[in-house]
mmCIF file of all heavy atoms, coordinates in Angstrom:
data_MODEL
# 
_entry.id   MODEL 
# 
loop_
_atom_site.group_PDB 
_atom_site.id 
_atom_site.type_symbol 
_atom_site.label_atom_id 
_atom_site.label_alt_id 
_atom_site.label_comp_id 
_atom_site.label_asym_id 
_atom_site.label_entity_id 
_atom_site.label_seq_id 
_atom_site.pdbx_PDB_ins_code 
_atom_site.Cartn_x 
_atom_site.Cartn_y 
_atom_site.Cartn_z 
_atom_site.occupancy 
_atom_site.B_iso_or_equiv 
_atom_site.pdbx_formal_charge 
_atom_site.auth_seq_id 
_atom_site.auth_comp_id 
_atom_site.auth_asym_id 
_atom_site.auth_atom_id 
_atom_site.pdbx_PDB_model_num 
ATOM 1   N N   . GLU A 1 1  ? 61.343 -1.243 35.292 1.00 0.00 ? 1  GLU A N   1 
ATOM 2   C CA  . GLU A 1 1  ? 61.404 -0.031 34.467 1.00 0.00 ? 1  GLU A CA  1 
ATOM 3   C C   . GLU A 1 1  ? 62.642 0.032  33.585 1.00 0.00 ? 1  GLU A C   1 
ATOM 4   O O   . GLU A 1 1  ? 62.645 0.608  32.505 1.00 0.00 ? 1  GLU A O   1 
ATOM 5   C CB  . GLU A 1 1  ? 61.339 1.200  35.397 1.00 0.00 ? 1  GLU A CB  1 
ATOM 6   C CG  . GLU A 1 1  ? 61.332 2.525  34.691 1.00 0.00 ? 1  GLU A CG  1 
ATOM 7   C CD  . GLU A 1 1  ? 61.204 3.684  35.627 1.00 0.00 ? 1  GLU A CD  1 
ATOM 8   O OE1 . GLU A 1 1  ? 60.787 3.465  36.812 1.00 0.00 ? 1  GLU A OE1 1 
ATOM 9   O OE2 . GLU A 1 1  ? 61.503 4.835  35.232 1.00 0.00 ? 1  GLU A OE2 1 
ATOM 10  N N   . THR A 1 2  ? 63.742 -0.543 34.067 1.00 0.00 ? 2  THR A N   1 
ATOM 11  C CA  . THR A 1 2  ? 65.034 -0.466 33.370 1.00 0.00 ? 2  THR A CA  1 
ATOM 12  C C   . THR A 1 2  ? 65.192 -1.549 32.283 1.00 0.00 ? 2  THR A C   1 
ATOM 13  O O   . THR A 1 2  ? 66.204 -1.593 31.593 1.00 0.00 ? 2  THR A O   1 
ATOM 14  C CB  . THR A 1 2  ? 66.184 -0.596 34.348 1.00 0.00 ? 2  THR A CB  1 
ATOM 15  O OG1 . THR A 1 2  ? 66.039 -1.818 35.101 1.00 0.00 ? 2  THR A OG1 1 
ATOM 16  C CG2 . THR A 1 2  ? 66.186 0.578  35.328 1.00 0.00 ? 2  THR A CG2 1 
ATOM 17  N N   . LYS A 1 3  ? 64.233 -2.446 32.146 1.00 0.00 ? 3  LYS A N   1 
ATOM 18  C CA  . LYS A 1 3  ? 64.321 -3.574 31.196 1.00 0.00 ? 3  LYS A CA  1 
ATOM 19  C C   . LYS A 1 3  ? 64.094 -3.087 29.771 1.00 0.00 ? 3  LYS A C   1 
ATOM 20  O O   . LYS A 1 3  ? 63.433 -2.085 29.535 1.00 0.00 ? 3  LYS A O   1 
ATOM 21  C CB  . LYS A 1 3  ? 63.307 -4.645 31.551 1.00 0.00 ? 3  LYS A CB  1 
ATOM 22  C CG  . LYS A 1 3  ? 63.691 -5.504 32.754 1.00 0.00 ? 3  LYS A CG  1 
ATOM 23  C CD  . LYS A 1 3  ? 64.653 -6.588 32.290 1.00 0.00 ? 3  LYS A CD  1 
ATOM 24  C CE  . LYS A 1 3  ? 64.856 -7.618 33.431 1.00 0.00 ? 3  LYS A CE  1 
ATOM 25  N NZ  . LYS A 1 3  ? 65.676 -8.730 33.013 1.00 0.00 ? 3  LYS A NZ  1 
ATOM 26  N N   . GLY A 1 4  ? 64.581 -3.900 28.827 1.00 0.00 ? 4  GLY A N   1 
ATOM 27  C CA  . GLY A 1 4  ? 64.199 -3.704 27.445 1.00 0.00 ? 4  GLY A CA  1 
ATOM 28  C C   . GLY A 1 4  ? 65.238 -3.055 26.551 1.00 0.00 ? 4  GLY A C   1 
ATOM 29  O O   . GLY A 1 4  ? 66.369 -2.784 26.928 1.00 0.00 ? 4  GLY A O   1 
ATOM 30  N N   . SER A 1 5  ? 64.832 -2.828 25.310 1.00 0.00 ? 5  SER A N   1 
ATOM 31  C CA  . SER A 1 5  ? 65.664 -2.162 24.304 1.00 0.00 ? 5  SER A CA  1 
ATOM 32  C C   . SER A 1 5  ? 65.611 -0.654 24.460 1.00 0.00 ? 5  SER A C   1 
ATOM 33  O O   . SER A 1 5  ? 64.861 -0.140 25.282 1.00 0.00 ? 5  SER A O   1 
ATOM 34  C CB  . SER A 1 5  ? 65.182 -2.565 22.917 1.00 0.00 ? 5  SER A CB  1 
ATOM 35  O OG  . SER A 1 5  ? 63.821 -2.089 22.722 1.00 0.00 ? 5  SER A OG  1 
ATOM 36  N N   . GLU A 1 6  ? 66.369 0.028  23.648 1.00 0.00 ? 6  GLU A N   1 
ATOM 37  C CA  . GLU A 1 6  ? 66.295 1.505  23.666 1.00 0.00 ? 6  GLU A CA  1 
ATOM 38  C C   . GLU A 1 6  ? 64.895 1.987  23.302 1.00 0.00 ? 6  GLU A C   1 
ATOM 39  O O   . GLU A 1 6  ? 64.402 2.975  23.834 1.00 0.00 ? 6  GLU A O   1 
ATOM 40  C CB  . GLU A 1 6  ? 67.342 2.058  22.691 1.00 0.00 ? 6  GLU A CB  1 
ATOM 41  C CG  . GLU A 1 6  ? 68.779 1.890  23.141 1.00 0.00 ? 6  GLU A CG  1 
ATOM 42  C CD  . GLU A 1 6  ? 69.027 2.495  24.525 1.00 0.00 ? 6  GLU A CD  1 
ATOM 43  O OE1 . GLU A 1 6  ? 68.618 3.642  24.753 1.00 0.00 ? 6  GLU A OE1 1 
ATOM 44  O OE2 . GLU A 1 6  ? 69.596 1.785  25.377 1.00 0.00 ? 6  GLU A OE2 1 
ATOM 45  N N   . LEU A 1 7  ? 64.260 1.247  22.402 1.00 0.00 ? 7  LEU A N   1 
ATOM 46  C CA  . LEU A 1 7  ? 62.886 1.595  22.005 1.00 0.00 ? 7  LEU A CA  1 
ATOM 47  C C   . LEU A 1 7  ? 61.953 1.536  23.192 1.00 0.00 ? 7  LEU A C   1 
ATOM 48  O O   . LEU A 1 7  ? 61.199 2.489  23.457 1.00 0.00 ? 7  LEU A O   1 
ATOM 49  C CB  . LEU A 1 7  ? 62.370 0.639  20.920 1.00 0.00 ? 7  LEU A CB  1 
ATOM 50  C CG  . LEU A 1 7  ? 60.926 0.752  20.526 1.00 0.00 ? 7  LEU A CG  1 
ATOM 51  C CD1 . LEU A 1 7  ? 60.590 2.106  19.935 1.00 0.00 ? 7  LEU A CD1 1 
ATOM 52  C CD2 . LEU A 1 7  ? 60.518 -0.374 19.595 1.00 0.00 ? 7  LEU A CD2 1 
ATOM 53  N N   . THR A 1 8  ? 61.952 0.420  23.908 1.00 0.00 ? 8  THR A N   1 
ATOM 54  C CA  . THR A 1 8  ? 60.981 0.263  25.010 1.00 0.00 ? 8  THR A CA  1 
ATOM 55  C C   . THR A 1 8  ? 61.333 1.146  26.227 1.00 0.00 ? 8  THR A C   1 
ATOM 56  O O   . THR A 1 8  ? 60.443 1.623  26.899 1.00 0.00 ? 8  THR A O   1 
ATOM 57  C CB  . THR A 1 8  ? 60.914 -1.218 25.451 1.00 0.00 ? 8  THR A CB  1 
ATOM 58  O OG1 . THR A 1 8  ? 62.218 -1.704 25.780 1.00 0.00 ? 8  THR A OG1 1 
ATOM 59  C CG2 . THR A 1 8  ? 60.313 -2.095 24.326 1.00 0.00 ? 8  THR A CG2 1 
ATOM 60  N N   . LYS A 1 9  ? 62.605 1.378  26.434 1.00 0.00 ? 9  LYS A N   1 
ATOM 61  C CA  . LYS A 1 9  ? 62.986 2.249  27.573 1.00 0.00 ? 9  LYS A CA  1 
ATOM 62  C C   . LYS A 1 9  ? 62.506 3.680  27.336 1.00 0.00 ? 9  LYS A C   1 
ATOM 63  O O   . LYS A 1 9  ? 61.961 4.321  28.238 1.00 0.00 ? 9  LYS A O   1 
ATOM 64  C CB  . LYS A 1 9  ? 64.520 2.263  27.736 1.00 0.00 ? 9  LYS A CB  1 
ATOM 65  C CG  . LYS A 1 9  ? 65.074 0.950  28.319 1.00 0.00 ? 9  LYS A CG  1 
ATOM 66  C CD  . LYS A 1 9  ? 66.599 1.023  28.386 1.00 0.00 ? 9  LYS A CD  1 
ATOM 67  C CE  . LYS A 1 9  ? 67.169 -0.305 28.893 1.00 0.00 ? 9  LYS A CE  1 
ATOM 68  N NZ  . LYS A 1 9  ? 68.654 -0.302 28.874 1.00 0.00 ? 9  LYS A NZ  1 
ATOM 69  N N   . LYS A 1 10 ? 62.675 4.148  26.124 1.00 0.00 ? 10 LYS A N   1 
ATOM 70  C CA  . LYS A 1 10 ? 62.229 5.509  25.810 1.00 0.00 ? 10 LYS A CA  1 
ATOM 71  C C   . LYS A 1 10 ? 60.697 5.579  25.790 1.00 0.00 ? 10 LYS A C   1 
ATOM 72  O O   . LYS A 1 10 ? 60.083 6.531  26.253 1.00 0.00 ? 10 LYS A O   1 
ATOM 73  C CB  . LYS A 1 10 ? 62.797 5.968  24.460 1.00 0.00 ? 10 LYS A CB  1 
ATOM 74  C CG  . LYS A 1 10 ? 62.366 7.340  24.013 1.00 0.00 ? 10 LYS A CG  1 
ATOM 75  C CD  . LYS A 1 10 ? 62.841 8.426  25.009 1.00 0.00 ? 10 LYS A CD  1 
ATOM 76  C CE  . LYS A 1 10 ? 62.460 9.800  24.522 1.00 0.00 ? 10 LYS A CE  1 
ATOM 77  N NZ  . LYS A 1 10 ? 62.814 10.870 25.517 1.00 0.00 ? 10 LYS A NZ  1 
ATOM 78  N N   . ALA A 1 11 ? 60.062 4.514  25.235 1.00 0.00 ? 11 ALA A N   1 
ATOM 79  C CA  . ALA A 1 11 ? 58.608 4.462  25.210 1.00 0.00 ? 11 ALA A CA  1 
ATOM 80  C C   . ALA A 1 11 ? 58.039 4.428  26.620 1.00 0.00 ? 11 ALA A C   1 
ATOM 81  O O   . ALA A 1 11 ? 57.001 5.077  26.889 1.00 0.00 ? 11 ALA A O   1 
ATOM 82  C CB  . ALA A 1 11 ? 58.123 3.215  24.420 1.00 0.00 ? 11 ALA A CB  1 
ATOM 83  N N   . PHE A 1 12 ? 58.684 3.696  27.520 1.00 0.00 ? 12 PHE A N   1 
ATOM 84  C CA  . PHE A 1 12 ? 58.252 3.651  28.921 1.00 0.00 ? 12 PHE A CA  1 
ATOM 85  C C   . PHE A 1 12 ? 58.241 5.070  29.502 1.00 0.00 ? 12 PHE A C   1 
ATOM 86  O O   . PHE A 1 12 ? 57.310 5.465  30.177 1.00 0.00 ? 12 PHE A O   1 
ATOM 87  C CB  . PHE A 1 12 ? 59.209 2.754  29.710 1.00 0.00 ? 12 PHE A CB  1 
ATOM 88  C CG  . PHE A 1 12 ? 58.775 2.520  31.139 1.00 0.00 ? 12 PHE A CG  1 
ATOM 89  C CD1 . PHE A 1 12 ? 58.137 1.364  31.529 1.00 0.00 ? 12 PHE A CD1 1 
ATOM 90  C CD2 . PHE A 1 12 ? 59.008 3.492  32.123 1.00 0.00 ? 12 PHE A CD2 1 
ATOM 91  C CE1 . PHE A 1 12 ? 57.742 1.141  32.840 1.00 0.00 ? 12 PHE A CE1 1 
ATOM 92  C CE2 . PHE A 1 12 ? 58.596 3.304  33.424 1.00 0.00 ? 12 PHE A CE2 1 
ATOM 93  C CZ  . PHE A 1 12 ? 57.985 2.104  33.788 1.00 0.00 ? 12 PHE A CZ  1 
ATOM 94  N N   . GLU A 1 13 ? 59.335 5.823  29.235 1.00 0.00 ? 13 GLU A N   1 
ATOM 95  C CA  . GLU A 1 13 ? 59.435 7.170  29.745 1.00 0.00 ? 13 GLU A CA  1 
ATOM 96  C C   . GLU A 1 13 ? 58.304 8.063  29.244 1.00 0.00 ? 13 GLU A C   1 
ATOM 97  O O   . GLU A 1 13 ? 57.649 8.819  30.003 1.00 0.00 ? 13 GLU A O   1 
ATOM 98  C CB  . GLU A 1 13 ? 60.778 7.750  29.343 1.00 0.00 ? 13 GLU A CB  1 
ATOM 99  C CG  . GLU A 1 13 ? 61.035 9.178  29.856 1.00 0.00 ? 13 GLU A CG  1 
ATOM 100 C CD  . GLU A 1 13 ? 62.361 9.731  29.345 1.00 0.00 ? 13 GLU A CD  1 
ATOM 101 O OE1 . GLU A 1 13 ? 63.201 8.944  28.931 1.00 0.00 ? 13 GLU A OE1 1 
ATOM 102 O OE2 . GLU A 1 13 ? 62.520 10.939 29.396 1.00 0.00 ? 13 GLU A OE2 1 
ATOM 103 N N   . LEU A 1 14 ? 58.032 7.969  27.908 1.00 0.00 ? 14 LEU A N   1 
ATOM 104 C CA  . LEU A 1 14 ? 56.983 8.798  27.328 1.00 0.00 ? 14 LEU A CA  1 
ATOM 105 C C   . LEU A 1 14 ? 55.591 8.414  27.838 1.00 0.00 ? 14 LEU A C   1 
ATOM 106 O O   . LEU A 1 14 ? 54.771 9.283  28.169 1.00 0.00 ? 14 LEU A O   1 
ATOM 107 C CB  . LEU A 1 14 ? 57.008 8.631  25.814 1.00 0.00 ? 14 LEU A CB  1 
ATOM 108 C CG  . LEU A 1 14 ? 58.262 9.201  25.098 1.00 0.00 ? 14 LEU A CG  1 
ATOM 109 C CD1 . LEU A 1 14 ? 58.186 8.887  23.598 1.00 0.00 ? 14 LEU A CD1 1 
ATOM 110 C CD2 . LEU A 1 14 ? 58.373 10.703 25.331 1.00 0.00 ? 14 LEU A CD2 1 
ATOM 111 N N   . LEU A 1 15 ? 55.315 7.114  27.946 1.00 0.00 ? 15 LEU A N   1 
ATOM 112 C CA  . LEU A 1 15 ? 54.029 6.651  28.438 1.00 0.00 ? 15 LEU A CA  1 
ATOM 113 C C   . LEU A 1 15 ? 53.811 7.045  29.891 1.00 0.00 ? 15 LEU A C   1 
ATOM 114 O O   . LEU A 1 15 ? 52.695 7.371  30.280 1.00 0.00 ? 15 LEU A O   1 
ATOM 115 C CB  . LEU A 1 15 ? 53.932 5.120  28.281 1.00 0.00 ? 15 LEU A CB  1 
ATOM 116 C CG  . LEU A 1 15 ? 53.780 4.603  26.844 1.00 0.00 ? 15 LEU A CG  1 
ATOM 117 C CD1 . LEU A 1 15 ? 54.137 3.137  26.773 1.00 0.00 ? 15 LEU A CD1 1 
ATOM 118 C CD2 . LEU A 1 15 ? 52.353 4.833  26.338 1.00 0.00 ? 15 LEU A CD2 1 
ATOM 119 N N   . SER A 1 16 ? 54.860 7.014  30.664 1.00 0.00 ? 16 SER A N   1 
ATOM 120 C CA  . SER A 1 16 ? 54.777 7.373  32.091 1.00 0.00 ? 16 SER A CA  1 
ATOM 121 C C   . SER A 1 16 ? 54.411 8.842  32.284 1.00 0.00 ? 16 SER A C   1 
ATOM 122 O O   . SER A 1 16 ? 53.785 9.221  33.293 1.00 0.00 ? 16 SER A O   1 
ATOM 123 C CB  . SER A 1 16 ? 56.115 7.099  32.799 1.00 0.00 ? 16 SER A CB  1 
ATOM 124 O OG  . SER A 1 16 ? 56.463 5.746  32.749 1.00 0.00 ? 16 SER A OG  1 
ATOM 125 N N   . GLN A 1 17 ? 54.767 9.663  31.325 1.00 0.00 ? 17 GLN A N   1 
ATOM 126 C CA  . GLN A 1 17 ? 54.531 11.113 31.433 1.00 0.00 ? 17 GLN A CA  1 
ATOM 127 C C   . GLN A 1 17 ? 53.248 11.561 30.767 1.00 0.00 ? 17 GLN A C   1 
ATOM 128 O O   . GLN A 1 17 ? 52.925 12.749 30.839 1.00 0.00 ? 17 GLN A O   1 
ATOM 129 C CB  . GLN A 1 17 ? 55.737 11.834 30.797 1.00 0.00 ? 17 GLN A CB  1 
ATOM 130 C CG  . GLN A 1 17 ? 57.048 11.606 31.514 1.00 0.00 ? 17 GLN A CG  1 
ATOM 131 C CD  . GLN A 1 17 ? 58.234 12.188 30.751 1.00 0.00 ? 17 GLN A CD  1 
ATOM 132 O OE1 . GLN A 1 17 ? 58.089 12.713 29.672 1.00 0.00 ? 17 GLN A OE1 1 
ATOM 133 N NE2 . GLN A 1 17 ? 59.417 12.067 31.341 1.00 0.00 ? 17 GLN A NE2 1 
ATOM 134 N N   . GLU A 1 18 ? 52.512 10.638 30.133 1.00 0.00 ? 18 GLU A N   1 
ATOM 135 C CA  . GLU A 1 18 ? 51.318 11.026 29.414 1.00 0.00 ? 18 GLU A CA  1 
ATOM 136 C C   . GLU A 1 18 ? 50.117 11.097 30.367 1.00 0.00 ? 18 GLU A C   1 
ATOM 137 O O   . GLU A 1 18 ? 49.673 10.082 30.933 1.00 0.00 ? 18 GLU A O   1 
ATOM 138 C CB  . GLU A 1 18 ? 51.016 9.987  28.299 1.00 0.00 ? 18 GLU A CB  1 
ATOM 139 C CG  . GLU A 1 18 ? 49.720 10.201 27.553 1.00 0.00 ? 18 GLU A CG  1 
ATOM 140 C CD  . GLU A 1 18 ? 49.575 11.610 26.990 1.00 0.00 ? 18 GLU A CD  1 
ATOM 141 O OE1 . GLU A 1 18 ? 50.530 12.115 26.346 1.00 0.00 ? 18 GLU A OE1 1 
ATOM 142 O OE2 . GLU A 1 18 ? 48.483 12.193 27.181 1.00 0.00 ? 18 GLU A OE2 1 
ATOM 143 N N   . PRO A 1 19 ? 49.541 12.281 30.589 1.00 0.00 ? 19 PRO A N   1 
ATOM 144 C CA  . PRO A 1 19 ? 48.481 12.457 31.570 1.00 0.00 ? 19 PRO A CA  1 
ATOM 145 C C   . PRO A 1 19 ? 47.127 11.876 31.157 1.00 0.00 ? 19 PRO A C   1 
ATOM 146 O O   . PRO A 1 19 ? 46.244 11.683 32.000 1.00 0.00 ? 19 PRO A O   1 
ATOM 147 C CB  . PRO A 1 19 ? 48.391 13.963 31.745 1.00 0.00 ? 19 PRO A CB  1 
ATOM 148 C CG  . PRO A 1 19 ? 48.885 14.508 30.423 1.00 0.00 ? 19 PRO A CG  1 
ATOM 149 C CD  . PRO A 1 19 ? 49.935 13.580 29.973 1.00 0.00 ? 19 PRO A CD  1 
ATOM 150 N N   . SER A 1 20 ? 46.922 11.646 29.854 1.00 0.00 ? 20 SER A N   1 
ATOM 151 C CA  . SER A 1 20 ? 45.606 11.211 29.415 1.00 0.00 ? 20 SER A CA  1 
ATOM 152 C C   . SER A 1 20 ? 45.352 9.725  29.513 1.00 0.00 ? 20 SER A C   1 
ATOM 153 O O   . SER A 1 20 ? 44.243 9.252  29.219 1.00 0.00 ? 20 SER A O   1 
ATOM 154 C CB  . SER A 1 20 ? 45.394 11.633 27.945 1.00 0.00 ? 20 SER A CB  1 
ATOM 155 O OG  . SER A 1 20 ? 46.256 10.891 27.058 1.00 0.00 ? 20 SER A OG  1 
ATOM 156 N N   . ILE A 1 21 ? 46.374 8.955  29.941 1.00 0.00 ? 21 ILE A N   1 
ATOM 157 C CA  . ILE A 1 21 ? 46.205 7.506  30.050 1.00 0.00 ? 21 ILE A CA  1 
ATOM 158 C C   . ILE A 1 21 ? 46.605 7.020  31.449 1.00 0.00 ? 21 ILE A C   1 
ATOM 159 O O   . ILE A 1 21 ? 47.329 7.677  32.176 1.00 0.00 ? 21 ILE A O   1 
ATOM 160 C CB  . ILE A 1 21 ? 47.058 6.754  28.992 1.00 0.00 ? 21 ILE A CB  1 
ATOM 161 C CG1 . ILE A 1 21 ? 48.569 6.998  29.213 1.00 0.00 ? 21 ILE A CG1 1 
ATOM 162 C CG2 . ILE A 1 21 ? 46.641 7.166  27.576 1.00 0.00 ? 21 ILE A CG2 1 
ATOM 163 C CD1 . ILE A 1 21 ? 49.450 6.142  28.319 1.00 0.00 ? 21 ILE A CD1 1 
ATOM 164 N N   . HIS A 1 22 ? 46.124 5.822  31.791 1.00 0.00 ? 22 HIS A N   1 
ATOM 165 C CA  . HIS A 1 22 ? 46.487 5.165  33.053 1.00 0.00 ? 22 HIS A CA  1 
ATOM 166 C C   . HIS A 1 22 ? 47.538 4.110  32.759 1.00 0.00 ? 22 HIS A C   1 
ATOM 167 O O   . HIS A 1 22 ? 47.203 2.944  32.512 1.00 0.00 ? 22 HIS A O   1 
ATOM 168 C CB  . HIS A 1 22 ? 45.226 4.545  33.649 1.00 0.00 ? 22 HIS A CB  1 
ATOM 169 C CG  . HIS A 1 22 ? 45.482 3.790  34.908 1.00 0.00 ? 22 HIS A CG  1 
ATOM 170 N ND1 . HIS A 1 22 ? 44.660 2.752  35.346 1.00 0.00 ? 22 HIS A ND1 1 
ATOM 171 C CD2 . HIS A 1 22 ? 46.462 3.827  35.809 1.00 0.00 ? 22 HIS A CD2 1 
ATOM 172 C CE1 . HIS A 1 22 ? 45.125 2.262  36.451 1.00 0.00 ? 22 HIS A CE1 1 
ATOM 173 N NE2 . HIS A 1 22 ? 46.253 2.907  36.754 1.00 0.00 ? 22 HIS A NE2 1 
ATOM 174 N N   . PHE A 1 23 ? 48.793 4.545  32.767 1.00 0.00 ? 23 PHE A N   1 
ATOM 175 C CA  . PHE A 1 23 ? 49.909 3.641  32.423 1.00 0.00 ? 23 PHE A CA  1 
ATOM 176 C C   . PHE A 1 23 ? 50.355 2.849  33.647 1.00 0.00 ? 23 PHE A C   1 
ATOM 177 O O   . PHE A 1 23 ? 50.628 3.445  34.715 1.00 0.00 ? 23 PHE A O   1 
ATOM 178 C CB  . PHE A 1 23 ? 51.076 4.428  31.869 1.00 0.00 ? 23 PHE A CB  1 
ATOM 179 C CG  . PHE A 1 23 ? 52.276 3.603  31.447 1.00 0.00 ? 23 PHE A CG  1 
ATOM 180 C CD1 . PHE A 1 23 ? 52.110 2.606  30.491 1.00 0.00 ? 23 PHE A CD1 1 
ATOM 181 C CD2 . PHE A 1 23 ? 53.505 3.802  32.024 1.00 0.00 ? 23 PHE A CD2 1 
ATOM 182 C CE1 . PHE A 1 23 ? 53.198 1.838  30.096 1.00 0.00 ? 23 PHE A CE1 1 
ATOM 183 C CE2 . PHE A 1 23 ? 54.579 3.039  31.658 1.00 0.00 ? 23 PHE A CE2 1 
ATOM 184 C CZ  . PHE A 1 23 ? 54.445 2.053  30.667 1.00 0.00 ? 23 PHE A CZ  1 
ATOM 185 N N   . ILE A 1 24 ? 50.386 1.518  33.538 1.00 0.00 ? 24 ILE A N   1 
ATOM 186 C CA  . ILE A 1 24 ? 50.743 0.673  34.692 1.00 0.00 ? 24 ILE A CA  1 
ATOM 187 C C   . ILE A 1 24 ? 52.102 0.046  34.589 1.00 0.00 ? 24 ILE A C   1 
ATOM 188 O O   . ILE A 1 24 ? 52.513 -0.725 35.451 1.00 0.00 ? 24 ILE A O   1 
ATOM 189 C CB  . ILE A 1 24 ? 49.673 -0.441 34.890 1.00 0.00 ? 24 ILE A CB  1 
ATOM 190 C CG1 . ILE A 1 24 ? 49.625 -1.364 33.671 1.00 0.00 ? 24 ILE A CG1 1 
ATOM 191 C CG2 . ILE A 1 24 ? 48.327 0.180  35.176 1.00 0.00 ? 24 ILE A CG2 1 
ATOM 192 C CD1 . ILE A 1 24 ? 48.754 -2.582 33.905 1.00 0.00 ? 24 ILE A CD1 1 
# 
């Protein structure tokens, strides 16, 4: 979860919180 650039770290956080998708 902690890997990546600032872009991917923030995107990971947003995707994790999105209820309409099954984020793995």
